[in-house]
């Protein structure tokens, strides 16, 4: 069985993290030629193309496997150095996590405050796509809507984020004074981004064909709620954000007996890592307080 030279694997990771061969060379304090030779040697050893030579470079499917391996190796090495008290062990432990925008805006940051001594690198991505960052080896853990574990990862349920259809009172009076099934497909709507299907899915549940064509794309959870409150359109707002606005009368529910529940899961590498274990417990505990079971 062919061994994987750790120097070459670490070089591949540096290229992916830095984005270019030149930047990786600067980070590793070697020449760009040396970086290129190491990557080519690793590709020859594995018999696979590992990088897409774009700007920034991207790992291929085979490259993502080695990038994930390199990150896990680095995580284990840091944990071992910490337990042995070796030099450099006092450096902050960095954990990279992919999380959807609505969790980030409502409950997830509270989980991070429960664990001391960690540094976080958060990647904001749609909950249906955060698992892809795990698969590519770009993060160690993710809040995702997928219950299917990424290879090499464990998964546990967190709870359900409830979304409520809401609008500003004046907007509802102007556009939605009648059967929602007929009026929502014609009314202006606020959508997070082009991956967001919540509004269309809600209208289809009511028997319509989908949300209207007049769409405002607002890719920020906080700004999304503000856009709906300002009367730009109606939208599906996470319950923790919607409740205070409803209580203040700045929003009204469009269908009090209808909502959309999004199941969320925590996926992380299967590593015996104290940092990951502590973060997983904090995330699970915070989600139990903030999400519906």
C-alpha atoms as a PDB file:
ATOM      1  CA  UNK A   1       0.000   0.000   0.000  1.00  0.00           C
ATOM      2  CA  UNK A   2       1.350   3.422  -0.995  1.00  0.00           C
ATOM      3  CA  UNK A   3       2.045   5.761   1.901  1.00  0.00           C
ATOM      4  CA  UNK A   4       0.914   9.379   1.755  1.00  0.00           C
ATOM      5  CA  UNK A   5       3.927  11.660   2.377  1.00  0.00           C
ATOM      6  CA  UNK A   6       2.782  14.076   5.055  1.00  0.00           C
ATOM      7  CA  UNK A   7       4.825  16.948   3.625  1.00  0.00           C
ATOM      8  CA  UNK A   8       2.998  16.615   0.313  1.00  0.00           C
ATOM      9  CA  UNK A   9      -0.410  16.304   1.987  1.00  0.00           C
ATOM     10  CA  UNK A  10       0.240  19.420   4.092  1.00  0.00           C
ATOM     11  CA  UNK A  11       1.359  21.286   0.990  1.00  0.00           C
ATOM     12  CA  UNK A  12      -1.890  20.374  -0.776  1.00  0.00           C
ATOM     13  CA  UNK A  13      -3.830  21.763   2.184  1.00  0.00           C
ATOM     14  CA  UNK A  14      -1.810  24.981   2.120  1.00  0.00           C
ATOM     15  CA  UNK A  15      -2.563  25.484  -1.582  1.00  0.00           C
ATOM     16  CA  UNK A  16      -6.309  25.023  -0.989  1.00  0.00           C
ATOM     17  CA  UNK A  17      -6.322  27.319   2.046  1.00  0.00           C
ATOM     18  CA  UNK A  18      -4.201  30.055   0.450  1.00  0.00           C
ATOM     19  CA  UNK A  19      -5.880  29.854  -2.944  1.00  0.00           C
ATOM     20  CA  UNK A  20      -2.772  29.897  -5.147  1.00  0.00           C
ATOM     21  CA  UNK A  21       0.563  28.093  -5.415  1.00  0.00           C
ATOM     22  CA  UNK A  22       2.458  31.356  -4.850  1.00  0.00           C
ATOM     23  CA  UNK A  23       0.530  32.174  -1.669  1.00  0.00           C
ATOM     24  CA  UNK A  24       1.031  28.636  -0.379  1.00  0.00           C
ATOM     25  CA  UNK A  25       4.757  28.942  -1.047  1.00  0.00           C
ATOM     26  CA  UNK A  26       4.900  32.134   0.991  1.00  0.00           C
ATOM     27  CA  UNK A  27       2.988  30.507   3.859  1.00  0.00           C
ATOM     28  CA  UNK A  28       5.264  27.448   3.839  1.00  0.00           C
ATOM     29  CA  UNK A  29       8.468  29.486   3.302  1.00  0.00           C
ATOM     30  CA  UNK A  30       9.435  27.522   0.191  1.00  0.00           C
ATOM     31  CA  UNK A  31       9.537  28.350  -3.505  1.00  0.00           C
ATOM     32  CA  UNK A  32       6.451  28.099  -5.760  1.00  0.00           C
ATOM     33  CA  UNK A  33       8.371  25.493  -7.738  1.00  0.00           C
ATOM     34  CA  UNK A  34       8.710  23.329  -4.629  1.00  0.00           C
ATOM     35  CA  UNK A  35       4.973  23.600  -3.948  1.00  0.00           C
ATOM     36  CA  UNK A  36       4.149  22.630  -7.527  1.00  0.00           C
ATOM     37  CA  UNK A  37       6.525  19.660  -7.415  1.00  0.00           C
ATOM     38  CA  UNK A  38       5.040  18.362  -4.156  1.00  0.00           C
ATOM     39  CA  UNK A  39       1.479  18.562  -5.478  1.00  0.00           C
ATOM     40  CA  UNK A  40       2.454  16.870  -8.747  1.00  0.00           C
ATOM     41  CA  UNK A  41       4.282  14.137  -6.829  1.00  0.00           C
ATOM     42  CA  UNK A  42       1.187  13.537  -4.684  1.00  0.00           C
ATOM     43  CA  UNK A  43      -0.996  13.376  -7.793  1.00  0.00           C
ATOM     44  CA  UNK A  44       1.379  10.849  -9.348  1.00  0.00           C
ATOM     45  CA  UNK A  45       1.436   8.780  -6.176  1.00  0.00           C
ATOM     46  CA  UNK A  46      -2.362   8.670  -5.908  1.00  0.00           C
ATOM     47  CA  UNK A  47      -2.948   8.458  -9.655  1.00  0.00           C
ATOM     48  CA  UNK A  48      -5.559  11.212  -9.470  1.00  0.00           C
ATOM     49  CA  UNK A  49      -5.890  14.900 -10.296  1.00  0.00           C
ATOM     50  CA  UNK A  50      -6.228  16.592  -6.911  1.00  0.00           C
ATOM     51  CA  UNK A  51      -6.649  20.265  -7.791  1.00  0.00           C
ATOM     52  CA  UNK A  52      -8.605  22.336 -10.261  1.00  0.00           C
ATOM     53  CA  UNK A  53      -6.069  24.910 -11.423  1.00  0.00           C
ATOM     54  CA  UNK A  54      -8.463  27.834 -11.133  1.00  0.00           C
ATOM     55  CA  UNK A  55      -8.150  31.094  -9.201  1.00  0.00           C
ATOM     56  CA  UNK A  56      -8.591  30.358  -6.397  1.00  0.00           C
ATOM     57  CA  UNK A  57      -7.719  26.687  -6.789  1.00  0.00           C
ATOM     58  CA  UNK A  58     -10.369  24.156  -5.821  1.00  0.00           C
ATOM     59  CA  UNK A  59      -9.897  20.540  -4.762  1.00  0.00           C
ATOM     60  CA  UNK A  60     -11.313  17.839  -6.982  1.00  0.00           C
ATOM     61  CA  UNK A  61     -13.426  15.117  -5.400  1.00  0.00           C
ATOM     62  CA  UNK A  62     -10.250  13.088  -4.774  1.00  0.00           C
ATOM     63  CA  UNK A  63      -8.423  16.195  -3.559  1.00  0.00           C
ATOM     64  CA  UNK A  64     -11.197  16.915  -1.053  1.00  0.00           C
ATOM     65  CA  UNK A  65     -10.573  13.508   0.545  1.00  0.00           C
ATOM     66  CA  UNK A  66      -6.910  14.385   1.111  1.00  0.00           C
ATOM     67  CA  UNK A  67      -7.710  17.920   2.271  1.00  0.00           C
ATOM     68  CA  UNK A  68     -10.081  16.485   4.866  1.00  0.00           C
ATOM     69  CA  UNK A  69      -7.401  14.003   5.924  1.00  0.00           C
ATOM     70  CA  UNK A  70      -4.845  16.815   6.238  1.00  0.00           C
ATOM     71  CA  UNK A  71      -7.141  18.903   8.454  1.00  0.00           C
ATOM     72  CA  UNK A  72      -7.939  15.940  10.662  1.00  0.00           C
ATOM     73  CA  UNK A  73      -4.251  15.141  10.963  1.00  0.00           C
ATOM     74  CA  UNK A  74      -3.478  18.730  11.951  1.00  0.00           C
ATOM     75  CA  UNK A  75      -6.306  18.671  14.512  1.00  0.00           C
ATOM     76  CA  UNK A  76      -5.007  15.465  16.105  1.00  0.00           C
ATOM     77  CA  UNK A  77      -1.454  16.792  16.121  1.00  0.00           C
ATOM     78  CA  UNK A  78      -2.490  19.982  17.929  1.00  0.00           C
ATOM     79  CA  UNK A  79      -4.498  18.004  20.477  1.00  0.00           C
ATOM     80  CA  UNK A  80      -1.548  15.677  21.093  1.00  0.00           C
ATOM     81  CA  UNK A  81       0.873  18.589  21.516  1.00  0.00           C
ATOM     82  CA  UNK A  82      -1.504  20.156  23.995  1.00  0.00           C
ATOM     83  CA  UNK A  83      -1.759  16.980  26.069  1.00  0.00           C
ATOM     84  CA  UNK A  84       2.031  16.579  26.042  1.00  0.00           C
ATOM     85  CA  UNK A  85       2.664  20.230  26.885  1.00  0.00           C
ATOM     86  CA  UNK A  86       5.009  20.672  23.929  1.00  0.00           C
ATOM     87  CA  UNK A  87       6.065  24.013  22.483  1.00  0.00           C
ATOM     88  CA  UNK A  88       3.334  25.755  20.581  1.00  0.00           C
ATOM     89  CA  UNK A  89       0.670  23.937  22.574  1.00  0.00           C
ATOM     90  CA  UNK A  90      -0.436  27.212  24.126  1.00  0.00           C
ATOM     91  CA  UNK A  91      -1.643  28.557  20.783  1.00  0.00           C
ATOM     92  CA  UNK A  92      -5.423  28.983  20.565  1.00  0.00           C
ATOM     93  CA  UNK A  93      -7.260  26.016  19.115  1.00  0.00           C
ATOM     94  CA  UNK A  94      -9.073  26.988  15.914  1.00  0.00           C
ATOM     95  CA  UNK A  95     -12.277  25.216  14.902  1.00  0.00           C
ATOM     96  CA  UNK A  96     -13.872  25.806  11.499  1.00  0.00           C
ATOM     97  CA  UNK A  97     -17.659  25.428  11.295  1.00  0.00           C
ATOM     98  CA  UNK A  98     -20.217  25.856   8.516  1.00  0.00           C
ATOM     99  CA  UNK A  99     -23.525  27.287   9.700  1.00  0.00           C
ATOM    100  CA  UNK A 100     -26.644  28.631   8.016  1.00  0.00           C
ATOM    101  CA  UNK A 101     -27.399  32.342   8.266  1.00  0.00           C
ATOM    102  CA  UNK A 102     -30.589  32.036  10.329  1.00  0.00           C
ATOM    103  CA  UNK A 103     -28.928  29.884  12.995  1.00  0.00           C
ATOM    104  CA  UNK A 104     -26.018  32.301  13.072  1.00  0.00           C
ATOM    105  CA  UNK A 105     -28.407  35.222  13.597  1.00  0.00           C
ATOM    106  CA  UNK A 106     -30.571  33.599  16.276  1.00  0.00           C
ATOM    107  CA  UNK A 107     -28.990  30.928  18.494  1.00  0.00           C
ATOM    108  CA  UNK A 108     -25.634  29.608  17.296  1.00  0.00           C
ATOM    109  CA  UNK A 109     -23.350  32.318  18.690  1.00  0.00           C
ATOM    110  CA  UNK A 110     -24.673  31.561  22.169  1.00  0.00           C
ATOM    111  CA  UNK A 111     -23.259  28.051  21.846  1.00  0.00           C
ATOM    112  CA  UNK A 112     -19.785  29.381  21.078  1.00  0.00           C
ATOM    113  CA  UNK A 113     -19.695  31.408  24.284  1.00  0.00           C
ATOM    114  CA  UNK A 114     -20.100  28.214  26.327  1.00  0.00           C
ATOM    115  CA  UNK A 115     -16.655  26.917  25.341  1.00  0.00           C
ATOM    116  CA  UNK A 116     -13.580  28.826  26.465  1.00  0.00           C
ATOM    117  CA  UNK A 117     -10.162  28.771  24.836  1.00  0.00           C
ATOM    118  CA  UNK A 118     -11.279  28.141  21.248  1.00  0.00           C
ATOM    119  CA  UNK A 119     -10.991  30.332  18.171  1.00  0.00           C
ATOM    120  CA  UNK A 120     -13.709  29.965  15.551  1.00  0.00           C
ATOM    121  CA  UNK A 121     -13.674  30.303  11.797  1.00  0.00           C
ATOM    122  CA  UNK A 122     -17.299  30.395  10.686  1.00  0.00           C
ATOM    123  CA  UNK A 123     -18.432  29.775   7.112  1.00  0.00           C
ATOM    124  CA  UNK A 124     -21.937  31.030   6.366  1.00  0.00           C
ATOM    125  CA  UNK A 125     -23.769  28.824   3.883  1.00  0.00           C
ATOM    126  CA  UNK A 126     -27.289  27.621   3.151  1.00  0.00           C
ATOM    127  CA  UNK A 127     -28.229  24.744   5.459  1.00  0.00           C
ATOM    128  CA  UNK A 128     -28.730  22.465   2.450  1.00  0.00           C
ATOM    129  CA  UNK A 129     -25.164  23.106   1.324  1.00  0.00           C
ATOM    130  CA  UNK A 130     -23.125  23.229   4.551  1.00  0.00           C
ATOM    131  CA  UNK A 131     -22.508  19.473   4.341  1.00  0.00           C
ATOM    132  CA  UNK A 132     -20.674  20.061   1.065  1.00  0.00           C
ATOM    133  CA  UNK A 133     -18.072  22.115   2.949  1.00  0.00           C
ATOM    134  CA  UNK A 134     -17.578  19.157   5.283  1.00  0.00           C
ATOM    135  CA  UNK A 135     -17.221  16.838   2.306  1.00  0.00           C
ATOM    136  CA  UNK A 136     -14.600  19.120   0.760  1.00  0.00           C
ATOM    137  CA  UNK A 137     -12.641  19.242   4.002  1.00  0.00           C
ATOM    138  CA  UNK A 138     -13.067  23.000   4.363  1.00  0.00           C
ATOM    139  CA  UNK A 139     -14.678  22.759   7.824  1.00  0.00           C
ATOM    140  CA  UNK A 140     -14.573  20.372  10.783  1.00  0.00           C
ATOM    141  CA  UNK A 141     -18.268  20.582  11.652  1.00  0.00           C
ATOM    142  CA  UNK A 142     -21.513  21.946  10.272  1.00  0.00           C
ATOM    143  CA  UNK A 143     -25.099  22.828  11.108  1.00  0.00           C
ATOM    144  CA  UNK A 144     -26.970  21.201   8.249  1.00  0.00           C
ATOM    145  CA  UNK A 145     -30.416  20.113   7.151  1.00  0.00           C
ATOM    146  CA  UNK A 146     -29.064  16.753   5.982  1.00  0.00           C
ATOM    147  CA  UNK A 147     -29.456  13.739   8.299  1.00  0.00           C
ATOM    148  CA  UNK A 148     -27.199  11.649   6.040  1.00  0.00           C
ATOM    149  CA  UNK A 149     -23.682  11.685   7.499  1.00  0.00           C
ATOM    150  CA  UNK A 150     -20.835  12.844   5.296  1.00  0.00           C
ATOM    151  CA  UNK A 151     -18.224  10.047   5.015  1.00  0.00           C
ATOM    152  CA  UNK A 152     -16.028  10.145   8.099  1.00  0.00           C
ATOM    153  CA  UNK A 153     -18.526  12.230  10.071  1.00  0.00           C
ATOM    154  CA  UNK A 154     -21.035  11.635  12.843  1.00  0.00           C
ATOM    155  CA  UNK A 155     -24.471  13.244  12.939  1.00  0.00           C
ATOM    156  CA  UNK A 156     -26.904  14.157  15.718  1.00  0.00           C
ATOM    157  CA  UNK A 157     -30.274  15.951  15.586  1.00  0.00           C
ATOM    158  CA  UNK A 158     -30.472  19.478  16.992  1.00  0.00           C
ATOM    159  CA  UNK A 159     -34.147  20.349  16.659  1.00  0.00           C
ATOM    160  CA  UNK A 160     -36.450  22.225  14.294  1.00  0.00           C
ATOM    161  CA  UNK A 161     -36.252  25.867  13.304  1.00  0.00           C
ATOM    162  CA  UNK A 162     -39.794  27.155  12.723  1.00  0.00           C
ATOM    163  CA  UNK A 163     -40.453  29.731  10.002  1.00  0.00           C
ATOM    164  CA  UNK A 164     -43.539  31.954  10.060  1.00  0.00           C
ATOM    165  CA  UNK A 165     -45.124  33.682   7.063  1.00  0.00           C
ATOM    166  CA  UNK A 166     -45.312  37.363   7.981  1.00  0.00           C
ATOM    167  CA  UNK A 167     -45.650  40.843   6.528  1.00  0.00           C
ATOM    168  CA  UNK A 168     -45.896  44.442   7.659  1.00  0.00           C
ATOM    169  CA  UNK A 169     -49.491  45.391   8.575  1.00  0.00           C
ATOM    170  CA  UNK A 170     -49.751  47.972   5.787  1.00  0.00           C
ATOM    171  CA  UNK A 171     -48.382  45.543   3.224  1.00  0.00           C
ATOM    172  CA  UNK A 172     -50.819  42.818   4.274  1.00  0.00           C
ATOM    173  CA  UNK A 173     -53.740  45.238   4.038  1.00  0.00           C
ATOM    174  CA  UNK A 174     -52.691  46.380   0.571  1.00  0.00           C
ATOM    175  CA  UNK A 175     -51.713  43.089  -1.065  1.00  0.00           C
ATOM    176  CA  UNK A 176     -53.121  40.230   0.990  1.00  0.00           C
ATOM    177  CA  UNK A 177     -56.675  41.135   1.937  1.00  0.00           C
ATOM    178  CA  UNK A 178     -58.238  37.905   0.696  1.00  0.00           C
ATOM    179  CA  UNK A 179     -57.426  34.231   0.007  1.00  0.00           C
ATOM    180  CA  UNK A 180     -53.667  33.771   0.386  1.00  0.00           C
ATOM    181  CA  UNK A 181     -53.624  30.969  -2.159  1.00  0.00           C
ATOM    182  CA  UNK A 182     -54.650  33.434  -4.834  1.00  0.00           C
ATOM    183  CA  UNK A 183     -52.933  36.604  -3.595  1.00  0.00           C
ATOM    184  CA  UNK A 184     -49.447  35.413  -2.517  1.00  0.00           C
ATOM    185  CA  UNK A 185     -48.402  34.418  -6.072  1.00  0.00           C
ATOM    186  CA  UNK A 186     -49.062  38.020  -7.146  1.00  0.00           C
ATOM    187  CA  UNK A 187     -47.604  39.873  -4.147  1.00  0.00           C
ATOM    188  CA  UNK A 188     -44.024  41.151  -3.820  1.00  0.00           C
ATOM    189  CA  UNK A 189     -41.881  38.759  -1.807  1.00  0.00           C
ATOM    190  CA  UNK A 190     -38.568  38.905   0.037  1.00  0.00           C
ATOM    191  CA  UNK A 191     -36.207  35.993  -0.681  1.00  0.00           C
ATOM    192  CA  UNK A 192     -32.859  35.315   0.980  1.00  0.00           C
ATOM    193  CA  UNK A 193     -31.002  34.271  -2.191  1.00  0.00           C
ATOM    194  CA  UNK A 194     -31.546  32.158  -5.288  1.00  0.00           C
ATOM    195  CA  UNK A 195     -31.174  28.952  -3.259  1.00  0.00           C
ATOM    196  CA  UNK A 196     -34.030  29.977  -0.947  1.00  0.00           C
ATOM    197  CA  UNK A 197     -37.183  27.926  -1.594  1.00  0.00           C
ATOM    198  CA  UNK A 198     -39.037  28.659   1.667  1.00  0.00           C
ATOM    199  CA  UNK A 199     -41.447  31.209   0.229  1.00  0.00           C
ATOM    200  CA  UNK A 200     -42.238  29.162  -2.874  1.00  0.00           C
ATOM    201  CA  UNK A 201     -42.675  26.021  -0.784  1.00  0.00           C
ATOM    202  CA  UNK A 202     -45.069  27.782   1.582  1.00  0.00           C
ATOM    203  CA  UNK A 203     -47.291  28.984  -1.275  1.00  0.00           C
ATOM    204  CA  UNK A 204     -47.314  25.505  -2.780  1.00  0.00           C
ATOM    205  CA  UNK A 205     -48.443  24.109   0.585  1.00  0.00           C
ATOM    206  CA  UNK A 206     -51.432  26.446   0.402  1.00  0.00           C
ATOM    207  CA  UNK A 207     -52.271  25.119  -3.046  1.00  0.00           C
ATOM    208  CA  UNK A 208     -50.666  27.838  -5.143  1.00  0.00           C
ATOM    209  CA  UNK A 209     -47.959  27.527  -7.777  1.00  0.00           C
ATOM    210  CA  UNK A 210     -45.256  29.469  -5.958  1.00  0.00           C
ATOM    211  CA  UNK A 211     -44.354  32.935  -4.744  1.00  0.00           C
ATOM    212  CA  UNK A 212     -44.564  35.990  -6.967  1.00  0.00           C
ATOM    213  CA  UNK A 213     -42.129  37.096  -9.643  1.00  0.00           C
ATOM    214  CA  UNK A 214     -41.496  40.481  -8.013  1.00  0.00           C
ATOM    215  CA  UNK A 215     -38.702  39.348  -5.690  1.00  0.00           C
ATOM    216  CA  UNK A 216     -36.289  41.217  -3.463  1.00  0.00           C
ATOM    217  CA  UNK A 217     -33.124  39.202  -2.731  1.00  0.00           C
ATOM    218  CA  UNK A 218     -31.772  40.088   0.713  1.00  0.00           C
ATOM    219  CA  UNK A 219     -28.909  37.725   1.729  1.00  0.00           C
ATOM    220  CA  UNK A 220     -28.766  38.604   5.433  1.00  0.00           C
ATOM    221  CA  UNK A 221     -31.012  37.245   8.172  1.00  0.00           C
ATOM    222  CA  UNK A 222     -31.215  40.549  10.018  1.00  0.00           C
ATOM    223  CA  UNK A 223     -31.726  42.608   6.857  1.00  0.00           C
ATOM    224  CA  UNK A 224     -34.279  40.066   5.587  1.00  0.00           C
ATOM    225  CA  UNK A 225     -36.492  40.642   8.624  1.00  0.00           C
ATOM    226  CA  UNK A 226     -35.984  44.399   8.309  1.00  0.00           C
ATOM    227  CA  UNK A 227     -36.992  44.288   4.637  1.00  0.00           C
ATOM    228  CA  UNK A 228     -40.221  42.467   5.476  1.00  0.00           C
ATOM    229  CA  UNK A 229     -40.902  44.842   8.374  1.00  0.00           C
ATOM    230  CA  UNK A 230     -40.298  47.817   6.076  1.00  0.00           C
ATOM    231  CA  UNK A 231     -42.980  46.549   3.684  1.00  0.00           C
ATOM    232  CA  UNK A 232     -40.842  45.491   0.714  1.00  0.00           C
ATOM    233  CA  UNK A 233     -42.646  42.158   0.603  1.00  0.00           C
ATOM    234  CA  UNK A 234     -43.811  39.221   2.667  1.00  0.00           C
ATOM    235  CA  UNK A 235     -41.438  36.486   3.783  1.00  0.00           C
ATOM    236  CA  UNK A 236     -40.770  33.438   5.957  1.00  0.00           C
ATOM    237  CA  UNK A 237     -39.039  34.631   9.122  1.00  0.00           C
ATOM    238  CA  UNK A 238     -37.424  32.427  11.799  1.00  0.00           C
ATOM    239  CA  UNK A 239     -39.666  32.259  14.851  1.00  0.00           C
ATOM    240  CA  UNK A 240     -37.064  33.711  17.288  1.00  0.00           C
ATOM    241  CA  UNK A 241     -36.791  36.812  15.071  1.00  0.00           C
ATOM    242  CA  UNK A 242     -40.491  37.043  14.278  1.00  0.00           C
ATOM    243  CA  UNK A 243     -41.963  36.835  17.787  1.00  0.00           C
ATOM    244  CA  UNK A 244     -40.706  40.223  19.104  1.00  0.00           C
ATOM    245  CA  UNK A 245     -41.745  41.968  15.882  1.00  0.00           C
ATOM    246  CA  UNK A 246     -45.193  40.378  16.074  1.00  0.00           C
ATOM    247  CA  UNK A 247     -45.567  41.423  19.718  1.00  0.00           C
ATOM    248  CA  UNK A 248     -44.653  45.011  18.815  1.00  0.00           C
ATOM    249  CA  UNK A 249     -47.200  45.048  16.005  1.00  0.00           C
ATOM    250  CA  UNK A 250     -44.546  45.634  13.351  1.00  0.00           C
ATOM    251  CA  UNK A 251     -45.442  42.329  11.691  1.00  0.00           C
ATOM    252  CA  UNK A 252     -48.622  40.296  11.302  1.00  0.00           C
ATOM    253  CA  UNK A 253     -48.939  36.574  10.727  1.00  0.00           C
ATOM    254  CA  UNK A 254     -50.375  35.710   7.337  1.00  0.00           C
ATOM    255  CA  UNK A 255     -51.477  32.180   8.235  1.00  0.00           C
ATOM    256  CA  UNK A 256     -51.463  31.598  12.007  1.00  0.00           C
ATOM    257  CA  UNK A 257     -52.068  27.859  11.610  1.00  0.00           C
ATOM    258  CA  UNK A 258     -49.474  27.314   8.878  1.00  0.00           C
ATOM    259  CA  UNK A 259     -45.691  27.311   9.175  1.00  0.00           C
ATOM    260  CA  UNK A 260     -42.589  25.541   7.903  1.00  0.00           C
ATOM    261  CA  UNK A 261     -40.344  23.538  10.248  1.00  0.00           C
ATOM    262  CA  UNK A 262     -36.732  22.960   9.184  1.00  0.00           C
ATOM    263  CA  UNK A 263     -34.968  20.039  10.927  1.00  0.00           C
ATOM    264  CA  UNK A 264     -31.342  20.847  11.743  1.00  0.00           C
ATOM    265  CA  UNK A 265     -28.479  18.457  12.455  1.00  0.00           C
ATOM    266  CA  UNK A 266     -24.927  18.717  13.744  1.00  0.00           C
ATOM    267  CA  UNK A 267     -22.305  16.888  11.732  1.00  0.00           C
ATOM    268  CA  UNK A 268     -18.637  16.704  12.682  1.00  0.00           C
ATOM    269  CA  UNK A 269     -15.525  14.696  12.010  1.00  0.00           C
ATOM    270  CA  UNK A 270     -15.239  11.360  13.801  1.00  0.00           C
ATOM    271  CA  UNK A 271     -12.183  12.415  15.776  1.00  0.00           C
ATOM    272  CA  UNK A 272     -11.267  11.942  19.407  1.00  0.00           C
ATOM    273  CA  UNK A 273     -10.777  15.692  19.737  1.00  0.00           C
ATOM    274  CA  UNK A 274     -11.520  17.446  23.045  1.00  0.00           C
ATOM    275  CA  UNK A 275     -12.174  20.718  21.211  1.00  0.00           C
ATOM    276  CA  UNK A 276     -14.750  19.216  18.854  1.00  0.00           C
ATOM    277  CA  UNK A 277     -16.364  17.234  21.663  1.00  0.00           C
ATOM    278  CA  UNK A 278     -16.742  20.331  23.840  1.00  0.00           C
ATOM    279  CA  UNK A 279     -18.177  22.361  20.978  1.00  0.00           C
ATOM    280  CA  UNK A 280     -20.630  19.585  20.060  1.00  0.00           C
ATOM    281  CA  UNK A 281     -21.965  19.482  23.624  1.00  0.00           C
ATOM    282  CA  UNK A 282     -22.349  23.261  23.705  1.00  0.00           C
ATOM    283  CA  UNK A 283     -24.133  23.355  20.346  1.00  0.00           C
ATOM    284  CA  UNK A 284     -26.478  20.535  21.326  1.00  0.00           C
ATOM    285  CA  UNK A 285     -27.349  22.156  24.654  1.00  0.00           C
ATOM    286  CA  UNK A 286     -27.977  25.575  23.121  1.00  0.00           C
ATOM    287  CA  UNK A 287     -30.081  24.127  20.308  1.00  0.00           C
ATOM    288  CA  UNK A 288     -32.198  22.257  22.861  1.00  0.00           C
ATOM    289  CA  UNK A 289     -33.049  25.599  24.476  1.00  0.00           C
ATOM    290  CA  UNK A 290     -33.618  27.553  21.249  1.00  0.00           C
ATOM    291  CA  UNK A 291     -35.157  25.113  18.777  1.00  0.00           C
ATOM    292  CA  UNK A 292     -38.350  23.102  18.747  1.00  0.00           C
ATOM    293  CA  UNK A 293     -38.008  19.403  19.435  1.00  0.00           C
END
